Protein backbone atom coordinates (compact mmCIF):
# COMPACT_ATOMS: atom_id res chain seq x y z
CA UNK A 1 -30.92 -20.76 47.10
CA UNK A 2 -30.22 -17.52 49.23
CA UNK A 3 -28.95 -14.20 47.86
CA UNK A 4 -25.37 -13.29 46.87
CA UNK A 5 -24.42 -10.46 48.63
CA UNK A 6 -21.74 -8.03 47.35
CA UNK A 7 -18.73 -9.86 49.18
CA UNK A 8 -19.49 -12.67 48.15
CA UNK A 9 -19.88 -11.79 44.36
CA UNK A 10 -16.31 -10.27 44.86
CA UNK A 11 -15.03 -12.83 45.99
CA UNK A 12 -16.51 -15.88 43.45
CA UNK A 13 -15.01 -13.91 41.08
CA UNK A 14 -11.55 -13.67 42.85
CA UNK A 15 -8.14 -14.28 40.58
CA UNK A 16 -7.41 -17.03 43.08
CA UNK A 17 -3.92 -16.34 43.27
CA UNK A 18 -3.19 -17.75 46.75
CA UNK A 19 -3.90 -21.35 44.89
CA UNK A 20 -1.69 -20.08 42.41
CA UNK A 21 1.02 -18.65 44.61
CA UNK A 22 0.75 -22.35 46.47
CA UNK A 23 2.18 -24.23 43.66
CA UNK A 24 5.18 -22.40 42.95
CA UNK A 25 8.36 -22.91 44.69
CA UNK A 26 9.15 -21.11 48.43
CA UNK A 27 11.53 -18.88 47.10
CA UNK A 28 9.85 -17.41 43.65
CA UNK A 29 6.44 -17.40 45.74
CA UNK A 30 7.90 -15.27 48.77
CA UNK A 31 9.13 -12.58 45.83
CA UNK A 32 5.80 -12.26 44.43
CA UNK A 33 3.95 -12.06 47.64
CA UNK A 34 5.68 -8.49 48.31
CA UNK A 35 5.21 -7.75 45.04
CA UNK A 36 3.16 -4.53 44.25
CA UNK A 37 2.34 -5.66 40.32
CA UNK A 38 0.91 -9.03 41.68
CA UNK A 39 -2.38 -7.62 40.31
CA UNK A 40 -0.42 -7.70 36.69
CA UNK A 41 1.53 -10.78 36.47
CA UNK A 42 0.44 -13.26 33.62
CA UNK A 43 3.14 -16.03 33.78
CA UNK A 44 5.70 -17.80 35.96
CA UNK A 45 8.53 -19.61 33.74
CA UNK A 46 10.62 -22.35 34.91
CA UNK A 47 13.22 -23.69 33.23
CA UNK A 48 15.52 -26.07 34.24
CA UNK A 49 19.18 -24.82 35.02
CA UNK A 50 17.89 -20.98 33.84
CA UNK A 51 17.25 -18.11 36.02
CA UNK A 52 13.51 -18.00 37.25
CA UNK A 53 11.54 -15.60 34.96
CA UNK A 54 8.49 -13.40 36.19
CA UNK A 55 6.70 -11.89 33.36
CA UNK A 56 4.05 -8.98 34.55
CA UNK A 57 1.88 -7.23 31.60
CA UNK A 58 4.46 -4.55 30.77
CA UNK A 59 7.32 -6.15 32.17
CA UNK A 60 9.83 -9.19 32.87
CA UNK A 61 11.79 -9.92 36.04
CA UNK A 62 14.27 -12.82 36.12
CA UNK A 63 15.78 -13.58 39.25
CA UNK A 64 19.22 -14.16 38.59
CA UNK A 65 20.06 -15.44 41.85
CA UNK A 66 17.59 -18.11 42.15
CA UNK A 67 18.50 -21.31 39.25
CA UNK A 68 15.93 -23.39 38.84
CA UNK A 69 16.82 -27.01 40.35
CA UNK A 70 14.82 -30.33 39.55
CA UNK A 71 13.38 -30.24 43.20
CA UNK A 72 11.68 -26.91 41.94
CA UNK A 73 10.36 -28.81 39.10
CA UNK A 74 8.70 -31.56 40.92
CA UNK A 75 7.78 -29.65 43.51
CA UNK A 76 5.33 -27.90 41.12
CA UNK A 77 4.18 -31.07 38.92
CA UNK A 78 3.10 -32.58 42.36
CA UNK A 79 1.00 -29.63 43.51
CA UNK A 80 -1.08 -29.84 40.38
CA UNK A 81 -3.07 -32.66 38.52
CA UNK A 82 -1.70 -34.94 35.86
CA UNK A 83 -0.53 -33.50 32.24
CA UNK A 84 -2.86 -34.46 29.86
CA UNK A 85 -1.33 -35.72 25.80
CA UNK A 86 -1.24 -31.66 25.27
CA UNK A 87 1.00 -31.24 27.91
CA UNK A 88 -1.08 -28.85 29.65
CA UNK A 89 -2.76 -29.10 33.46
CA UNK A 90 -4.77 -26.77 35.78
CA UNK A 91 -5.70 -26.24 39.55
CA UNK A 92 -8.63 -27.23 40.55
CA UNK A 93 -11.50 -25.06 40.69
CA UNK A 94 -9.43 -22.19 39.44
CA UNK A 95 -8.59 -20.87 36.13
CA UNK A 96 -4.63 -21.16 35.98
CA UNK A 97 -2.84 -23.19 33.64
CA UNK A 98 0.33 -25.43 33.89
CA UNK A 99 2.01 -26.16 30.71
CA UNK A 100 5.02 -28.24 30.59
CA UNK A 101 8.18 -28.78 28.36
CA UNK A 102 9.54 -32.20 27.95
CA UNK A 103 12.87 -33.93 26.60
CA UNK A 104 13.52 -36.84 24.40
CA UNK A 105 12.94 -38.68 27.31
CA UNK A 106 9.82 -37.30 28.18
CA UNK A 107 11.01 -35.82 31.38
CA UNK A 108 9.88 -32.24 32.40
CA UNK A 109 12.69 -29.84 32.18
CA UNK A 110 10.27 -26.34 31.52
CA UNK A 111 7.46 -25.30 33.51
CA UNK A 112 5.43 -21.95 32.28
CA UNK A 113 2.59 -21.31 35.05
CA UNK A 114 0.08 -19.33 33.42
CA UNK A 115 -2.64 -16.60 35.61
CA UNK A 116 -5.87 -16.89 34.84
CA UNK A 117 -8.51 -14.24 35.18
CA UNK A 118 -11.92 -13.94 35.67
CA UNK A 119 -12.33 -10.36 34.58
CA UNK A 120 -16.02 -8.78 34.39
CA UNK A 121 -15.88 -5.72 31.63
CA UNK A 122 -13.91 -7.09 29.31
CA UNK A 123 -16.05 -7.31 26.32
CA UNK A 124 -18.01 -4.04 27.05
CA UNK A 125 -16.42 -2.86 23.80
CA UNK A 126 -17.87 -5.36 21.83
CA UNK A 127 -21.29 -6.21 24.01
CA UNK A 128 -23.55 -4.97 21.08
CA UNK A 129 -22.14 -7.24 18.87
CA UNK A 130 -21.92 -10.53 21.21
CA UNK A 131 -25.74 -9.48 22.08
CA UNK A 132 -26.64 -9.28 18.56
CA UNK A 133 -26.92 -13.45 17.69
CA UNK A 134 -24.23 -13.33 15.44
CA UNK A 135 -21.29 -15.77 15.41
CA UNK A 136 -18.33 -14.07 16.35
CA UNK A 137 -14.68 -15.18 15.32
CA UNK A 138 -11.97 -13.72 17.67
CA UNK A 139 -8.42 -13.59 16.54
CA UNK A 140 -5.00 -12.14 17.85
CA UNK A 141 -1.59 -12.92 19.13
CA UNK A 142 -1.00 -15.11 22.13
CA UNK A 143 -1.67 -13.04 25.75
CA UNK A 144 -3.76 -10.81 24.13
CA UNK A 145 -7.17 -11.86 26.14
CA UNK A 146 -8.83 -13.97 23.48
CA UNK A 147 -9.84 -16.49 26.60
CA UNK A 148 -10.47 -14.25 28.98
CA UNK A 149 -12.87 -12.42 26.46
CA UNK A 150 -14.59 -16.06 25.46
CA UNK A 151 -15.24 -16.48 28.99
CA UNK A 152 -17.20 -13.29 29.46
CA UNK A 153 -18.91 -13.90 26.92
CA UNK A 154 -20.34 -17.17 27.89
CA UNK A 155 -21.90 -15.56 31.21
CA UNK A 156 -23.11 -12.77 29.70
CA UNK A 157 -25.15 -14.53 26.95
CA UNK A 158 -26.05 -17.53 29.52
CA UNK A 159 -27.03 -14.64 32.56
CA UNK A 160 -28.03 -11.52 30.95
CA UNK A 161 -29.27 -12.61 27.61
CA UNK A 162 -30.63 -15.98 29.26
CA UNK A 163 -29.54 -18.38 26.20
CA UNK A 164 -28.72 -21.71 26.43
CA UNK A 165 -25.02 -21.84 26.15
CA UNK A 166 -22.45 -24.43 26.30
CA UNK A 167 -18.40 -24.55 26.20
CA UNK A 168 -16.40 -26.84 24.81
CA UNK A 169 -13.65 -26.59 26.95
CA UNK A 170 -10.69 -28.11 25.30
CA UNK A 171 -7.82 -28.54 27.98
CA UNK A 172 -10.25 -26.98 30.75
CA UNK A 173 -9.20 -23.22 29.49
CA UNK A 174 -12.19 -21.64 29.89
CA UNK A 175 -13.98 -22.49 32.68
CA UNK A 176 -11.16 -23.77 35.09
CA UNK A 177 -9.98 -27.60 36.14
CA UNK A 178 -11.98 -30.04 37.98
CA UNK A 179 -15.43 -31.47 37.54
CA UNK A 180 -17.19 -28.52 38.80
CA UNK A 181 -16.98 -25.22 36.58
CA UNK A 182 -15.64 -22.06 37.56
CA UNK A 183 -18.42 -19.57 39.00
CA UNK A 184 -16.71 -16.91 36.19
CA UNK A 185 -19.01 -18.97 33.60
CA UNK A 186 -22.18 -18.37 34.81
CA UNK A 187 -24.58 -20.51 34.23
CA UNK A 188 -23.23 -21.34 30.79
CA UNK A 189 -22.54 -25.42 30.74
CA UNK A 190 -19.43 -27.16 30.06
CA UNK A 191 -18.28 -29.81 27.97
CA UNK A 192 -15.01 -31.15 28.94
CA UNK A 193 -12.86 -32.63 25.90
CA UNK A 194 -10.69 -35.74 27.04
CA UNK A 195 -8.16 -35.34 24.16
CA UNK A 196 -7.58 -32.48 21.77
CA UNK A 197 -7.55 -34.73 19.18
CA UNK A 198 -11.51 -35.37 19.78
CA UNK A 199 -12.39 -31.70 20.18
CA UNK A 200 -14.45 -31.10 17.12
CA UNK A 201 -16.50 -34.57 18.06
CA UNK A 202 -17.29 -32.52 20.90
CA UNK A 203 -18.62 -29.86 19.48
CA UNK A 204 -20.70 -32.21 17.23
CA UNK A 205 -22.13 -33.60 19.99
CA UNK A 206 -22.74 -30.54 21.75
CA UNK A 207 -25.25 -29.44 19.07
CA UNK A 208 -26.72 -32.73 18.47
CA UNK A 209 -27.49 -33.74 22.15
CA UNK A 210 -27.74 -30.50 24.02
CA UNK A 211 -30.16 -27.89 22.22
CA UNK A 212 -27.67 -24.98 22.35
CA UNK A 213 -28.43 -21.33 21.31
CA UNK A 214 -24.88 -20.82 21.43
CA UNK A 215 -21.60 -22.57 21.95
CA UNK A 216 -18.26 -21.30 23.01
CA UNK A 217 -15.21 -22.82 21.72
CA UNK A 218 -11.65 -21.68 22.04
CA UNK A 219 -8.59 -22.53 19.56
CA UNK A 220 -10.12 -24.03 16.29
CA UNK A 221 -7.08 -25.28 15.16
CA UNK A 222 -7.45 -27.78 12.14
CA UNK A 223 -9.35 -28.76 9.21
CA UNK A 224 -11.59 -31.13 11.06
CA UNK A 225 -12.71 -28.45 14.02
CA UNK A 226 -13.11 -25.87 10.84
CA UNK A 227 -15.87 -28.50 9.48
CA UNK A 228 -17.41 -29.17 12.90
CA UNK A 229 -17.78 -24.97 13.27
CA UNK A 230 -19.83 -25.04 9.79
CA UNK A 231 -21.95 -27.26 10.86
CA UNK A 232 -23.00 -26.02 14.36
CA UNK A 233 -23.34 -22.53 12.23
CA UNK A 234 -26.08 -24.31 9.64
CA UNK A 235 -27.95 -25.24 12.63
CA UNK A 236 -28.80 -21.67 13.66
CA UNK A 237 -26.65 -22.05 16.83
CA UNK A 238 -24.72 -18.76 17.46
CA UNK A 239 -21.03 -19.41 17.61
CA UNK A 240 -18.29 -17.69 19.19
CA UNK A 241 -14.79 -18.86 19.14
CA UNK A 242 -11.34 -18.13 18.40
CA UNK A 243 -8.35 -19.28 15.74
CA UNK A 244 -4.70 -19.34 15.24
CA UNK A 245 -3.68 -15.82 13.49
CA UNK A 246 -3.92 -12.44 14.04
CA UNK A 247 -5.43 -11.22 11.06
CA UNK A 248 -8.08 -12.08 9.02
CA UNK A 249 -5.71 -12.34 6.21
CA UNK A 250 -3.90 -14.74 8.21
CA UNK A 251 -6.88 -16.92 8.20
CA UNK A 252 -6.90 -16.40 3.83
CA UNK A 253 -3.43 -17.77 4.03
CA UNK A 254 -4.61 -21.32 5.86
CA UNK A 255 -5.57 -23.71 3.98
CA UNK A 256 -7.02 -25.99 7.05
CA UNK A 257 -8.71 -22.34 8.67
CA UNK A 258 -9.87 -20.41 5.06
CA UNK A 259 -13.19 -22.78 5.55
CA UNK A 260 -14.10 -20.74 8.14
CA UNK A 261 -14.75 -17.13 6.32
CA UNK A 262 -16.05 -19.39 3.19
CA UNK A 263 -12.81 -21.03 1.62
CA UNK A 264 -10.87 -20.01 -1.22
CA UNK A 265 -10.89 -21.67 -4.70
CA UNK A 266 -9.26 -21.11 -7.87
CA UNK A 267 -11.90 -21.02 -10.85
CA UNK A 268 -10.99 -20.98 -15.02
CA UNK A 269 -13.01 -18.20 -16.69
CA UNK A 270 -14.23 -18.20 -20.73
CA UNK A 271 -12.47 -15.93 -22.72
CA UNK A 272 -15.56 -13.60 -22.61
CA UNK A 273 -15.87 -13.45 -19.24
CA UNK A 274 -12.65 -12.64 -18.07
CA UNK A 275 -12.58 -10.08 -20.97
CA UNK A 276 -15.53 -8.87 -19.49
CA UNK A 277 -13.85 -8.64 -15.94
CA UNK A 278 -10.93 -7.54 -17.24
CA UNK A 279 -8.41 -10.39 -15.63
CA UNK A 280 -6.80 -13.47 -16.21
CA UNK A 281 -8.77 -16.38 -17.01
CA UNK A 282 -8.07 -18.08 -13.50
CA UNK A 283 -9.07 -15.97 -10.94
CA UNK A 284 -9.65 -16.88 -6.56
CA UNK A 285 -13.21 -16.70 -5.20
CA UNK A 286 -14.79 -17.27 -2.50
CA UNK A 287 -16.23 -20.76 -2.57
CA UNK A 288 -18.83 -21.01 0.01
CA UNK A 289 -20.27 -18.23 2.67
CA UNK A 290 -18.40 -17.93 5.81
CA UNK A 291 -19.04 -20.00 8.93
CA UNK A 292 -18.64 -16.49 11.29
CA UNK A 293 -20.65 -13.50 10.33
CA UNK A 294 -18.18 -11.21 12.06
CA UNK A 295 -14.25 -11.17 12.56
CA UNK A 296 -12.71 -9.15 15.61
CA UNK A 297 -9.19 -8.57 15.51
CA UNK A 298 -7.50 -7.97 19.00
CA UNK A 299 -4.45 -5.48 18.32
CA UNK A 300 -3.77 -4.99 22.16
CA UNK A 301 -5.91 -5.20 25.45
CA UNK A 302 -8.21 -2.15 24.97
CA UNK A 303 -7.71 -1.73 20.90
CA UNK A 304 -9.59 -4.16 18.32
CA UNK A 305 -10.08 -3.97 14.44
CA UNK A 306 -13.80 -5.23 13.61
CA UNK A 307 -14.92 -6.69 10.37
CA UNK A 308 -18.62 -6.44 10.62
CA UNK A 309 -19.37 -8.35 7.16
CA UNK A 310 -16.94 -11.14 6.75
CA UNK A 311 -18.69 -12.34 3.57
CA UNK A 312 -17.87 -8.33 1.70
CA UNK A 313 -14.19 -8.23 3.58
CA UNK A 314 -13.52 -11.34 2.02
CA UNK A 315 -14.37 -10.72 -1.42
CA UNK A 316 -12.95 -7.32 -1.60
CA UNK A 317 -9.92 -9.07 -0.23
CA UNK A 318 -10.06 -11.39 -3.07
CA UNK A 319 -10.49 -8.29 -5.64
CA UNK A 320 -7.24 -6.77 -4.61
CA UNK A 321 -9.26 -4.06 -2.09
CA UNK A 322 -8.42 -4.68 1.62
CA UNK A 323 -10.85 -2.79 3.42
CA UNK A 324 -10.49 -0.83 6.32
CA UNK A 325 -12.36 -2.29 9.37
CA UNK A 326 -14.12 -0.52 12.35
CA UNK A 327 -11.51 0.37 14.51
CA UNK A 328 -12.62 0.67 18.46
CA UNK A 329 -10.59 1.25 21.39
CA UNK A 330 -11.23 1.37 25.24
CA UNK A 331 -10.96 4.92 26.69
CA UNK A 332 -9.03 5.51 30.27
CA UNK A 333 -12.37 6.63 31.73
CA UNK A 334 -13.44 3.10 30.47
CA UNK A 335 -15.58 4.01 27.74
CA UNK A 336 -16.05 2.72 24.09
CA UNK A 337 -15.31 4.82 21.26
CA UNK A 338 -15.04 4.19 17.58
CA UNK A 339 -11.99 5.85 16.21
CA UNK A 340 -12.07 4.48 12.66
CA UNK A 341 -15.68 3.79 10.91
CA UNK A 342 -15.55 0.91 8.58
CA UNK A 343 -14.90 1.70 4.92
CA UNK A 344 -15.76 -0.73 1.98
CA UNK A 345 -16.95 -0.05 -1.76
CA UNK A 346 -20.23 -1.27 -2.19
CA UNK A 347 -20.20 -4.36 -4.76
CA UNK A 348 -23.44 -4.00 -7.42
CA UNK A 349 -23.57 -7.81 -7.99
CA UNK A 350 -21.97 -10.61 -6.48
CA UNK A 351 -18.53 -11.99 -7.79
CA UNK A 352 -14.86 -11.35 -7.85
CA UNK A 353 -12.14 -9.57 -9.16
CA UNK A 354 -13.60 -7.16 -11.04
CA UNK A 355 -12.12 -3.26 -10.44
CA UNK A 356 -14.05 -0.93 -8.53
CA UNK A 357 -15.42 1.93 -10.57
CA UNK A 358 -14.46 4.14 -7.63
CA UNK A 359 -11.02 2.80 -7.53
CA UNK A 360 -10.10 3.22 -11.62
CA UNK A 361 -8.52 6.08 -13.17
CA UNK A 362 -10.70 9.43 -12.75
CA UNK A 363 -9.11 12.07 -11.16
CA UNK A 364 -12.71 13.41 -9.53
CA UNK A 365 -12.91 10.51 -7.55
CA UNK A 366 -10.07 11.29 -5.07
CA UNK A 367 -11.87 14.15 -2.95
CA UNK A 368 -9.87 17.48 -2.11
CA UNK A 369 -8.63 18.34 0.87
CA UNK A 370 -10.28 21.48 2.62
CA UNK A 371 -7.89 23.33 4.13
CA UNK A 372 -7.14 27.10 5.36
CA UNK A 373 -4.95 28.60 3.00
CA UNK A 374 -3.46 27.05 0.00
CA UNK A 375 -2.23 23.30 -0.27
CA UNK A 376 -0.79 21.08 -2.93
CA UNK A 377 -4.83 19.50 -3.34
CA UNK A 378 -6.18 22.70 -3.46
CA UNK A 379 -7.74 23.29 -7.01
CA UNK A 380 -5.48 26.30 -8.36
CA UNK A 381 -8.21 27.99 -10.14
CA UNK A 382 -10.54 29.01 -7.51
CA UNK A 383 -10.29 33.00 -6.21
CA UNK A 384 -8.91 34.33 -3.51
CA UNK A 385 -5.80 32.59 -3.61
CA UNK A 386 -4.60 31.91 0.37
CA UNK A 387 -1.31 30.84 0.97
CA UNK A 388 -0.49 29.73 4.68
CA UNK A 389 2.34 31.41 6.26
CA UNK A 390 5.59 30.26 6.22
CA UNK A 391 6.99 31.27 9.49
CA UNK A 392 4.35 29.09 11.30
CA UNK A 393 4.75 25.61 8.80
CA UNK A 394 2.46 23.22 10.02
CA UNK A 395 2.16 19.40 9.32
CA UNK A 396 -0.75 18.79 6.60
CA UNK A 397 -3.44 17.22 7.82
CA UNK A 398 -4.00 15.81 4.12
CA UNK A 399 -4.32 12.02 3.88
CA UNK A 400 -1.22 10.11 2.07
CA UNK A 401 -1.76 8.08 -0.96
CA UNK A 402 0.49 4.95 -1.25
CA UNK A 403 0.75 2.66 -4.10
CA UNK A 404 2.26 -0.66 -3.87
CA UNK A 405 4.32 -1.85 -6.35
CA UNK A 406 4.92 -5.76 -6.32
CA UNK A 407 4.33 -6.25 -2.78
CA UNK A 408 1.24 -7.46 -0.85
CA UNK A 409 -1.40 -5.30 -0.65
CA UNK A 410 -3.15 -6.64 2.08
CA UNK A 411 -0.15 -6.38 4.39
CA UNK A 412 0.35 -2.67 3.36
CA UNK A 413 -3.52 -2.50 4.15
CA UNK A 414 -2.32 -4.05 8.22
CA UNK A 415 0.38 -1.62 8.41
CA UNK A 416 -2.14 1.25 7.82
CA UNK A 417 -4.21 0.36 10.12
CA UNK A 418 -1.65 -1.47 12.93
CA UNK A 419 0.69 1.65 12.92
CA UNK A 420 -2.09 4.21 13.08
CA UNK A 421 -0.75 6.17 10.12
CA UNK A 422 -2.93 8.54 7.83
CA UNK A 423 -2.51 6.96 4.95
CA UNK A 424 -4.74 5.15 2.60
CA UNK A 425 -3.72 2.59 -0.70
CA UNK A 426 -4.46 3.23 -4.21
CA UNK A 427 -5.03 1.22 -6.86
CA UNK A 428 -3.81 4.13 -9.58
CA UNK A 429 -0.36 4.69 -9.55
CA UNK A 430 -1.00 8.10 -11.03
CA UNK A 431 -2.96 9.17 -8.10
CA UNK A 432 0.18 8.30 -5.60
CA UNK A 433 2.23 10.26 -3.27
CA UNK A 434 4.50 7.87 -2.77
CA UNK A 435 5.23 4.09 -3.58
CA UNK A 436 5.95 1.55 -1.92
CA UNK A 437 8.10 -0.97 -4.00
CA UNK A 438 9.25 -4.66 -3.58
CA UNK A 439 13.69 -4.80 -4.56
CA UNK A 440 13.23 -7.51 -6.93
CA UNK A 441 10.58 -5.64 -9.10
CA UNK A 442 11.88 -2.41 -8.25
CA UNK A 443 15.68 -3.31 -10.18
CA UNK A 444 13.98 -3.60 -13.64
CA UNK A 445 13.08 0.15 -13.18
CA UNK A 446 10.36 0.65 -16.06
CA UNK A 447 10.43 3.98 -17.83
CA UNK A 448 7.29 5.43 -16.04
CA UNK A 449 8.56 4.36 -12.42
CA UNK A 450 11.84 5.87 -13.22
CA UNK A 451 10.04 8.71 -14.19
CA UNK A 452 7.92 8.67 -11.57
CA UNK A 453 11.00 8.56 -8.95
CA UNK A 454 11.59 12.28 -9.59
CA UNK A 455 8.55 13.64 -8.29
CA UNK A 456 7.74 11.25 -5.69
CA UNK A 457 9.57 9.29 -3.08
CA UNK A 458 9.50 5.83 -3.45
CA UNK A 459 10.80 3.51 -0.26
CA UNK A 460 12.21 -0.09 -1.59
CA UNK A 461 11.84 -3.12 0.84
CA UNK A 462 13.91 -6.46 0.21
CA UNK A 463 10.72 -8.82 0.75
CA UNK A 464 7.33 -8.97 1.59
CA UNK A 465 6.86 -9.12 5.20
CA UNK A 466 4.98 -7.47 7.29
CA UNK A 467 7.78 -5.50 9.39
CA UNK A 468 9.76 -4.30 6.46
CA UNK A 469 6.51 -2.92 4.57
CA UNK A 470 5.47 -1.09 8.08
CA UNK A 471 8.89 0.67 8.19
CA UNK A 472 8.86 1.58 4.80
CA UNK A 473 5.18 3.10 5.17
CA UNK A 474 6.77 4.86 8.12
CA UNK A 475 9.81 6.37 6.16
CA UNK A 476 7.33 7.42 3.10
CA UNK A 477 5.06 9.27 5.25
CA UNK A 478 7.47 11.37 7.04
CA UNK A 479 9.36 11.56 3.89
CA UNK A 480 5.81 12.67 2.24
CA UNK A 481 5.09 14.98 4.87
CA UNK A 482 8.31 16.72 4.85
CA UNK A 483 7.45 17.11 1.00
CA UNK A 484 4.36 18.38 1.74
CA UNK A 485 5.59 21.17 3.79
CA UNK A 486 8.43 21.79 0.78
CA UNK A 487 5.64 22.30 -2.04
CA UNK A 488 3.66 24.54 0.31
CA UNK A 489 6.85 26.68 1.20
CA UNK A 490 7.01 26.64 -3.28
CA UNK A 491 3.66 28.26 -3.59
CA UNK A 492 4.38 30.54 -1.55
CA UNK A 493 7.57 31.59 -3.16
CA UNK A 494 5.36 32.02 -6.48
CA UNK A 495 3.32 34.06 -4.39
CA UNK A 496 6.06 36.19 -3.72
CA UNK A 497 7.51 36.02 -7.26
CA UNK A 498 4.63 37.36 -8.79
CA UNK A 499 4.51 39.91 -6.62
CA UNK A 500 8.09 40.97 -7.87
CA UNK A 501 7.40 40.44 -11.26
CA UNK A 502 4.39 42.84 -11.31
CA UNK A 503 6.20 45.78 -9.35
CA UNK A 504 9.69 45.21 -12.14
CA UNK A 505 8.38 44.13 -15.20
CA UNK A 506 11.57 41.60 -15.21
CA UNK A 507 11.85 38.13 -15.04
CA UNK A 508 11.97 37.10 -11.74
CA UNK A 509 13.93 33.29 -10.98
CA UNK A 510 12.55 30.86 -8.53
CA UNK A 511 14.63 28.70 -6.23
CA UNK A 512 15.57 25.46 -7.37
CA UNK A 513 12.95 22.82 -6.68
CA UNK A 514 11.83 18.91 -7.52
CA UNK A 515 10.17 17.75 -10.46
CA UNK A 516 6.47 17.87 -8.16
CA UNK A 517 6.81 21.19 -6.58
CA UNK A 518 8.13 22.69 -10.10
CA UNK A 519 4.79 20.88 -11.43
CA UNK A 520 2.89 22.67 -8.79
CA UNK A 521 4.18 25.71 -9.21
CA UNK A 522 3.89 25.42 -13.26
CA UNK A 523 0.22 24.77 -12.44
CA UNK A 524 -0.47 27.85 -10.32
CA UNK A 525 1.35 29.88 -13.01
CA UNK A 526 -0.78 28.92 -15.76
CA UNK A 527 -4.05 29.37 -13.72
CA UNK A 528 -2.97 32.92 -12.92
CA UNK A 529 -2.06 33.20 -17.01
CA UNK A 530 1.62 33.70 -16.14
CA UNK A 531 4.30 32.91 -18.58
CA UNK A 532 7.23 30.86 -17.40
CA UNK A 533 9.95 28.53 -18.28
CA UNK A 534 12.28 25.85 -16.81
CA UNK A 535 16.01 26.53 -16.78
CA UNK A 536 18.99 24.33 -15.58
CA UNK A 537 19.55 20.76 -15.16
CA UNK A 538 18.29 18.24 -12.25
CA UNK A 539 18.86 18.30 -9.06
CA UNK A 540 19.27 22.51 -9.75
CA UNK A 541 16.42 22.78 -12.13
CA UNK A 542 14.21 26.23 -11.26
CA UNK A 543 11.50 28.32 -12.86
CA UNK A 544 11.40 31.66 -14.60
CA UNK A 545 8.86 33.75 -14.26
CA UNK A 546 8.61 35.98 -17.26
CA UNK A 547 6.93 39.14 -18.08
CA UNK A 548 3.33 39.21 -20.26
CA UNK A 549 0.34 37.06 -20.01
CA UNK A 550 -0.73 33.77 -21.46
CA UNK A 551 -3.10 33.99 -24.45
């Protein structure tokens, strides 16, 4: 075989857009042929009786003057192969896919024509993990690039790592339609799946008959396929696949797929063991070792979260301690950058539902934030005291501590991660800078929560949904940032008050403050041995500095 030139290599990995445009109705094709964003085209939607829709990566164009007819749909259907039982078809020797929508009489009334691309370099952000030999599970919303990355993983493992790679290709998603696989998968072999319901059988057949070192599988979607994946992993084969769900927590809540991360079971403890752990008698535990060693959550095209130790991650979540995964991004220069290191408490012994000493009520476990000038976390007994200039207020860089009161902890941790806010979840309400509470629980308003409400901000959500928790988190952090600035101003006022007291030897009244700011002022004055008292009623209560020193 002769060597492949650069131009030929480029043509092999071409998108095959001419073949894709050829199957479209002429009026839609002509519109796309003059488009300047053709390289960002994702799919074309044709629904009977409605305007044709062209979807790009960042925008959507509706052709209001082009109403899809039966002739348009028939034109596309006749240009492609037959639809399978999953209502999908492809264009031979390309990666493009056409999915159909049928009415009650099985007549096709809608088409989604999706562009498939082979893009080199899409896995450079996870190249080290792919080459490590560990089994990897990719999660993410539809259209974020899971299948594209699987295709590149297959090529890298087969051509660069020189492994025996087999792709179990349901609906010919990965290697394209037809009997000859697309060159984008390199030297990897492809096993087609005749029916979606038989995918798990083909997975087992691949490992039993063809001696693979790595198996690539797209869309693990039911219990049988999860069991087949476990069988593959137990035979020492590297498994790289995708599953339905956006986060690892989604899999834990999905009974059909929970086995991929070890499975969850309820265990009844003895009275002594429950007392030792400090839990109820019935607790949740991981059932078995996880099928996949690493879980990667695709947050966006160039941003992802990596759980390097799935076993540890699941155990932490079961203990109510959501870990913070490693966050990787691809910069504008095309380089991989870790913007957040993976952080998770170490476990002394295997087990579940035990409190971590690092999260117990120990003030010394909360690190002090070192800043230029005094902040509310700076020890007030240190000398000399340095105060920020109030003429140039600055947003504090201190990490905001959030306590979840009756809301899903895993969703709060996900909101912190995905919204990229400078916050952390704490297990001790006394250490919190703010609280997110669910309305049904908040309405009871225990005395402790009522007292805290006067000192720190509280956001109340109606339900335990991710969107409401994320919005409440952002509001809370904004309010907390404003509160931090106000508290720093309150401490600056104390400094001025002390100077005035020393000059006049007469009582000095400070401005009214909320309970938290007054406590900071009290603590500061106590550290300076200055006498003071609180005067007035909320919300106009203030501190008065008195002559003389504390004994």
